[in-house]
Amino acid sequence: MDAETFLQRSAGAVPVLTLRQFCDDARQFLRRPDVHLRAGWVVADFTPEPVRAAVMSQGLLTLSHAALAHGLPQLERPARVHLAVPHSRSHRPPHAGGAVIHRDRQALGHDPCRPWLASVATTVRHLLRWGTRVDAVAALDAALCKGLLEVTDLRLPTHGPGAARMHDWAALAAPGVRSILETMLRLQLVDEGMSVETAVLVDGVGEVDILVDGWLVLEADGDTHSTRAQMLHDRERDLRLWDRGFVVMRVTWEQVRHERVTPIVRAVLGRLGPLPPPERPQFRRWLERPAGVLST
């Protein structure tokens, strides 16, 4: 494989030793004016800007760009690149361009295979410190669900700027949440003071997204629910839930994004509730909230 193709398939950044090992034309490629070598890593002008800025500035790509690189959901594509550097690094990193620089007093963890990328734990911690609540909680939800992170890995500060908010937002994480749509919906319901359970297993039905007051099921339908086969499957689940004494509501991305769901949920609870929750057999498994976040 030629060096340019190899670099493109490696997210635009690769160790120079690896490039020389696998590409016969590496020497000629490294002489090109659009190819840059920094701290043993090769990038090019065609390398995505976030990766190139992190490598050239010797900072860590963090916040939303890093979350997306780890497969963690974010509400929108980030408009600016965010880089993290040690707090002791007082000067602005060279070649950072228009990136936002965050100086962190805590140890910065990096991805083992991509040293220019903040680790999952560092990324989530930075989102809790400098990101939005939805993005931070959604990333933490997904990291816990995928097994990429344990709450003990976060090591949030006990004092200092933003510490209280970081702990408050981290406490909002819930187990079994698989999409940012579910995270947004749950946060809206919690903000209204409603009693919410997530990833609840119902006998004969399977897992439901959100259970309010023990009897109202909310299913957040994303793009995967648009096929005919999935719609038939969803309707069968709904019938089984109704048969077991639950009330079912299905909501869409647009309805949640525009905060149209919570007023309707409040109205349903007022008109139909309080209803006795359906019986919960002893063998039903209920997922518990994660333990509290450890501090340093």
Protein backbone atom coordinates (compact mmCIF):
# COMPACT_ATOMS: atom_id res chain seq x y z
CA MET A 1 0.00 0.00 0.00
CA ASP A 2 1.33 3.45 -0.84
CA ALA A 3 2.03 5.88 2.01
CA GLU A 4 -0.72 8.37 1.17
CA THR A 5 -3.42 5.69 1.18
CA PHE A 6 -2.01 4.20 4.38
CA LEU A 7 -2.13 7.60 6.09
CA GLN A 8 -5.68 8.27 4.91
CA ARG A 9 -6.84 4.91 6.27
CA SER A 10 -5.15 5.66 9.62
CA ALA A 11 -7.35 8.68 10.45
CA GLY A 12 -4.72 10.96 8.92
CA ALA A 13 -2.03 10.38 11.56
CA VAL A 14 0.44 7.53 11.90
CA PRO A 15 3.82 6.96 13.62
CA VAL A 16 6.67 7.56 11.23
CA LEU A 17 8.23 4.20 12.12
CA THR A 18 4.99 2.42 11.20
CA LEU A 19 4.80 4.29 7.91
CA ARG A 20 8.37 3.29 7.05
CA GLN A 21 7.70 -0.31 8.04
CA PHE A 22 4.65 -0.83 5.84
CA CYS A 23 5.14 1.58 2.93
CA ASP A 24 7.97 1.26 0.42
CA ASP A 25 7.50 4.84 -0.73
CA ALA A 26 7.63 6.31 2.78
CA ARG A 27 10.91 8.15 2.22
CA GLN A 28 9.64 9.96 -0.87
CA PHE A 29 6.28 10.64 0.77
CA LEU A 30 7.89 12.30 3.82
CA ARG A 31 9.68 14.76 1.54
CA ARG A 32 6.43 16.18 0.22
CA PRO A 33 5.72 19.81 1.27
CA ASP A 34 2.17 18.90 2.36
CA VAL A 35 3.43 16.20 4.77
CA HIS A 36 4.49 17.13 8.30
CA LEU A 37 6.45 15.27 10.98
CA ARG A 38 5.90 16.11 14.63
CA ALA A 39 7.07 14.20 17.71
CA GLY A 40 7.44 10.99 15.73
CA TRP A 41 4.03 11.26 14.05
CA VAL A 42 3.18 11.96 10.43
CA VAL A 43 0.25 14.12 9.34
CA ALA A 44 -0.58 15.83 6.06
CA ASP A 45 -2.60 18.76 4.84
CA PHE A 46 -5.43 16.32 4.04
CA THR A 47 -5.48 15.06 7.64
CA PRO A 48 -8.72 16.15 9.38
CA GLU A 49 -8.18 19.47 11.13
CA PRO A 50 -8.86 18.19 14.69
CA VAL A 51 -6.30 15.39 14.35
CA ARG A 52 -3.73 17.61 12.65
CA ALA A 53 -4.09 20.33 15.30
CA ALA A 54 -3.65 17.81 18.14
CA VAL A 55 -0.57 16.21 16.62
CA MET A 56 1.12 19.42 15.53
CA SER A 57 0.47 21.21 18.84
CA GLN A 58 1.29 18.13 20.95
CA GLY A 59 -1.98 18.58 22.80
CA LEU A 60 -4.83 16.11 23.31
CA LEU A 61 -7.97 16.24 21.21
CA THR A 62 -10.84 16.39 23.69
CA LEU A 63 -14.50 17.29 24.27
CA SER A 64 -16.96 16.54 21.44
CA HIS A 65 -14.42 15.63 18.74
CA ALA A 66 -12.82 13.13 21.10
CA ALA A 67 -16.21 11.76 22.19
CA LEU A 68 -17.18 11.11 18.57
CA ALA A 69 -13.79 9.46 17.92
CA HIS A 70 -14.58 7.07 20.79
CA GLY A 71 -18.07 6.36 19.43
CA LEU A 72 -19.83 8.38 22.14
CA PRO A 73 -22.91 10.38 21.06
CA GLN A 74 -23.01 14.16 20.92
CA LEU A 75 -25.97 16.38 20.13
CA GLU A 76 -24.30 18.26 17.28
CA ARG A 77 -21.05 18.22 15.33
CA PRO A 78 -18.63 20.54 17.15
CA ALA A 79 -17.85 23.82 15.42
CA ARG A 80 -14.41 24.28 16.99
CA VAL A 81 -11.51 22.03 17.90
CA HIS A 82 -10.77 21.65 21.63
CA LEU A 83 -7.31 20.65 22.85
CA ALA A 84 -6.16 19.84 26.37
CA VAL A 85 -2.68 20.52 27.71
CA PRO A 86 -1.15 20.28 31.20
CA HIS A 87 -1.80 23.31 33.40
CA SER A 88 1.94 23.86 33.69
CA ARG A 89 2.13 24.56 29.97
CA SER A 90 1.55 28.28 30.20
CA HIS A 91 2.13 29.29 26.58
CA ARG A 92 -0.29 28.62 23.75
CA PRO A 93 0.80 25.53 21.81
CA PRO A 94 2.24 26.28 18.37
CA HIS A 95 0.28 25.12 15.32
CA ALA A 96 -2.96 25.05 17.36
CA GLY A 97 -4.65 27.37 14.89
CA GLY A 98 -8.08 28.43 16.07
CA ALA A 99 -8.44 25.59 18.57
CA VAL A 100 -9.73 26.23 22.08
CA ILE A 101 -7.02 25.35 24.61
CA HIS A 102 -7.97 23.86 28.00
CA ARG A 103 -5.31 23.68 30.71
CA ASP A 104 -6.00 20.80 33.09
CA ARG A 105 -4.49 20.47 36.58
CA GLN A 106 -5.29 16.74 36.64
CA ALA A 107 -3.37 14.01 34.85
CA LEU A 108 -4.29 13.77 31.16
CA GLY A 109 -4.98 10.25 29.94
CA HIS A 110 -4.64 9.42 26.26
CA ASP A 111 -5.95 6.67 24.03
CA PRO A 112 -3.43 3.79 23.92
CA CYS A 113 -3.48 3.55 20.13
CA ARG A 114 -3.95 7.25 19.37
CA PRO A 115 -1.77 9.28 21.73
CA TRP A 116 -3.10 12.54 20.26
CA LEU A 117 -6.61 11.61 21.51
CA ALA A 118 -7.81 12.02 25.09
CA SER A 119 -8.82 8.76 26.78
CA VAL A 120 -12.50 7.99 27.34
CA ALA A 121 -12.24 8.92 31.03
CA THR A 122 -10.43 12.19 30.30
CA THR A 123 -12.87 13.02 27.50
CA VAL A 124 -15.92 12.50 29.72
CA ARG A 125 -14.32 14.44 32.57
CA HIS A 126 -13.64 17.35 30.22
CA LEU A 127 -17.22 17.26 28.93
CA LEU A 128 -18.44 17.44 32.52
CA ARG A 129 -16.15 20.43 33.10
CA TRP A 130 -16.40 22.40 29.83
CA GLY A 131 -19.18 20.80 27.75
CA THR A 132 -22.97 21.04 27.79
CA ARG A 133 -25.06 18.95 30.15
CA VAL A 134 -26.70 16.89 27.41
CA ASP A 135 -23.39 16.08 25.71
CA ALA A 136 -21.65 15.27 29.00
CA VAL A 137 -24.37 13.02 30.40
CA ALA A 138 -24.99 11.33 27.02
CA ALA A 139 -21.28 10.51 26.66
CA LEU A 140 -21.14 9.16 30.22
CA ASP A 141 -24.32 7.11 29.67
CA ALA A 142 -22.88 5.57 26.50
CA ALA A 143 -19.45 4.91 27.99
CA LEU A 144 -21.01 3.07 30.94
CA CYS A 145 -23.40 1.12 28.68
CA LYS A 146 -20.57 0.04 26.35
CA GLY A 147 -18.26 -0.91 29.18
CA LEU A 148 -15.68 1.67 28.10
CA LEU A 149 -15.62 3.30 31.50
CA GLU A 150 -16.20 2.61 35.16
CA VAL A 151 -17.42 5.44 37.36
CA THR A 152 -14.31 4.96 39.47
CA ASP A 153 -12.22 6.03 36.45
CA LEU A 154 -13.56 9.59 36.42
CA ARG A 155 -11.83 10.81 39.59
CA LEU A 156 -13.61 14.14 39.69
CA PRO A 157 -12.12 17.01 41.70
CA THR A 158 -13.66 17.76 45.09
CA HIS A 159 -13.19 21.51 44.88
CA GLY A 160 -12.27 24.24 42.46
CA PRO A 161 -13.99 25.79 39.44
CA GLY A 162 -16.80 23.61 38.12
CA ALA A 163 -16.31 20.79 40.64
CA ALA A 164 -19.84 20.95 42.06
CA ARG A 165 -21.39 20.98 38.60
CA MET A 166 -19.26 18.05 37.48
CA HIS A 167 -20.50 15.93 40.38
CA ASP A 168 -24.11 17.00 39.84
CA TRP A 169 -24.02 16.10 36.15
CA ALA A 170 -22.18 12.82 36.73
CA ALA A 171 -24.88 11.82 39.22
CA LEU A 172 -27.43 12.09 36.39
CA ALA A 173 -25.89 9.14 34.51
CA ALA A 174 -28.12 6.09 34.24
CA PRO A 175 -27.42 2.45 33.32
CA GLY A 176 -28.48 0.83 30.09
CA VAL A 177 -29.11 4.05 28.15
CA ARG A 178 -28.18 3.43 24.51
CA SER A 179 -28.86 6.73 22.73
CA ILE A 180 -28.59 10.45 23.21
CA LEU A 181 -32.34 10.61 22.48
CA GLU A 182 -33.03 8.59 25.63
CA THR A 183 -30.62 10.77 27.61
CA MET A 184 -32.31 14.00 26.50
CA LEU A 185 -35.75 12.62 27.30
CA ARG A 186 -34.69 11.39 30.72
CA LEU A 187 -33.10 14.72 31.65
CA GLN A 188 -36.23 16.61 30.63
CA LEU A 189 -38.37 14.34 32.79
CA VAL A 190 -36.00 14.58 35.75
CA ASP A 191 -36.00 18.38 35.46
CA GLU A 192 -39.79 18.23 35.88
CA GLY A 193 -39.38 16.24 39.11
CA MET A 194 -40.79 13.00 37.74
CA SER A 195 -39.91 9.54 39.05
CA VAL A 196 -37.92 7.90 36.26
CA GLU A 197 -36.39 4.45 35.79
CA THR A 198 -34.28 3.48 32.78
CA ALA A 199 -33.59 0.23 30.92
CA VAL A 200 -36.34 -1.65 32.74
CA LEU A 201 -36.85 -5.31 31.89
CA VAL A 202 -40.50 -6.33 31.60
CA ASP A 203 -41.40 -10.03 31.55
CA GLY A 204 -42.50 -11.23 28.15
CA VAL A 205 -41.60 -7.93 26.51
CA GLY A 206 -37.94 -7.16 27.09
CA GLU A 207 -36.28 -3.88 27.95
CA VAL A 208 -38.19 -0.62 27.79
CA ASP A 209 -36.45 2.74 27.53
CA ILE A 210 -38.02 4.74 30.35
CA LEU A 211 -40.61 3.99 33.03
CA VAL A 212 -42.34 6.93 34.73
CA ASP A 213 -44.13 6.52 38.06
CA GLY A 214 -43.92 2.74 37.70
CA TRP A 215 -46.63 2.42 35.02
CA LEU A 216 -46.08 4.86 32.11
CA VAL A 217 -43.66 3.47 29.51
CA LEU A 218 -41.88 5.91 27.19
CA GLU A 219 -40.18 4.45 24.12
CA ALA A 220 -37.82 6.81 22.29
CA ASP A 221 -37.94 5.91 18.61
CA GLY A 222 -34.91 6.90 16.54
CA ASP A 223 -34.12 6.18 12.91
CA THR A 224 -33.89 2.41 13.49
CA HIS A 225 -37.64 2.28 14.15
CA SER A 226 -38.64 3.44 10.65
CA THR A 227 -38.65 0.08 8.83
CA ARG A 228 -41.85 -1.93 8.48
CA ALA A 229 -40.36 -4.93 10.29
CA GLN A 230 -39.31 -2.76 13.24
CA MET A 231 -42.70 -1.03 13.34
CA LEU A 232 -44.49 -4.41 13.50
CA HIS A 233 -42.11 -5.49 16.26
CA ASP A 234 -42.77 -2.27 18.19
CA ARG A 235 -46.54 -2.65 17.93
CA GLU A 236 -46.34 -6.21 19.24
CA ARG A 237 -44.32 -4.96 22.21
CA ASP A 238 -46.88 -2.22 22.83
CA LEU A 239 -49.75 -4.71 22.92
CA ARG A 240 -47.90 -6.89 25.39
CA LEU A 241 -47.13 -3.90 27.61
CA TRP A 242 -50.78 -2.80 27.60
CA ASP A 243 -51.81 -6.38 28.39
CA ARG A 244 -49.54 -6.28 31.45
CA GLY A 245 -51.05 -3.08 32.79
CA PHE A 246 -48.63 -0.47 31.42
CA VAL A 247 -49.54 2.67 29.50
CA VAL A 248 -47.29 3.19 26.47
CA MET A 249 -46.18 6.35 24.68
CA ARG A 250 -43.81 6.45 21.72
CA VAL A 251 -41.91 9.67 21.04
CA THR A 252 -39.65 10.83 18.21
CA TRP A 253 -36.38 12.74 17.98
CA GLU A 254 -38.14 15.93 16.85
CA GLN A 255 -40.64 15.79 19.72
CA VAL A 256 -37.90 15.34 22.32
CA ARG A 257 -35.56 17.90 20.75
CA HIS A 258 -38.29 20.56 20.82
CA GLU A 259 -39.27 19.59 24.41
CA ARG A 260 -42.84 18.69 23.47
CA VAL A 261 -42.96 15.44 25.47
CA THR A 262 -42.82 16.48 29.13
CA PRO A 263 -46.01 18.61 29.07
CA ILE A 264 -47.91 15.67 27.57
CA VAL A 265 -46.44 13.23 30.09
CA ARG A 266 -47.44 15.59 32.88
CA ALA A 267 -50.99 15.73 31.50
CA VAL A 268 -51.20 11.93 31.18
CA LEU A 269 -50.00 11.48 34.75
CA GLY A 270 -52.60 13.99 35.94
CA ARG A 271 -55.49 12.44 34.02
CA LEU A 272 -54.77 8.75 34.52
CA GLY A 273 -52.67 8.64 37.65
CA PRO A 274 -51.86 7.74 40.18
CA LEU A 275 -52.30 4.20 38.91
CA PRO A 276 -51.09 1.17 40.83
CA PRO A 277 -47.92 -0.02 39.11
CA PRO A 278 -48.12 -3.44 37.44
CA GLU A 279 -46.96 -6.36 39.54
CA ARG A 280 -43.25 -6.99 39.47
CA PRO A 281 -42.41 -10.69 39.84
CA GLN A 282 -39.48 -11.49 42.09
CA PHE A 283 -37.47 -12.87 39.18
CA ARG A 284 -37.65 -9.63 37.18
CA ARG A 285 -34.26 -7.93 36.99
CA TRP A 286 -34.13 -4.20 37.56
CA LEU A 287 -30.93 -2.42 36.62
CA GLU A 288 -29.52 -0.28 39.41
CA ARG A 289 -28.03 3.16 39.15
CA PRO A 290 -24.24 3.24 39.17
CA ALA A 291 -22.42 3.88 42.43
CA GLY A 292 -21.40 7.43 43.25
CA VAL A 293 -18.48 8.90 41.43
CA LEU A 294 -15.24 8.62 43.35
CA SER A 295 -13.22 11.75 44.03
CA THR A 296 -9.57 12.45 44.43
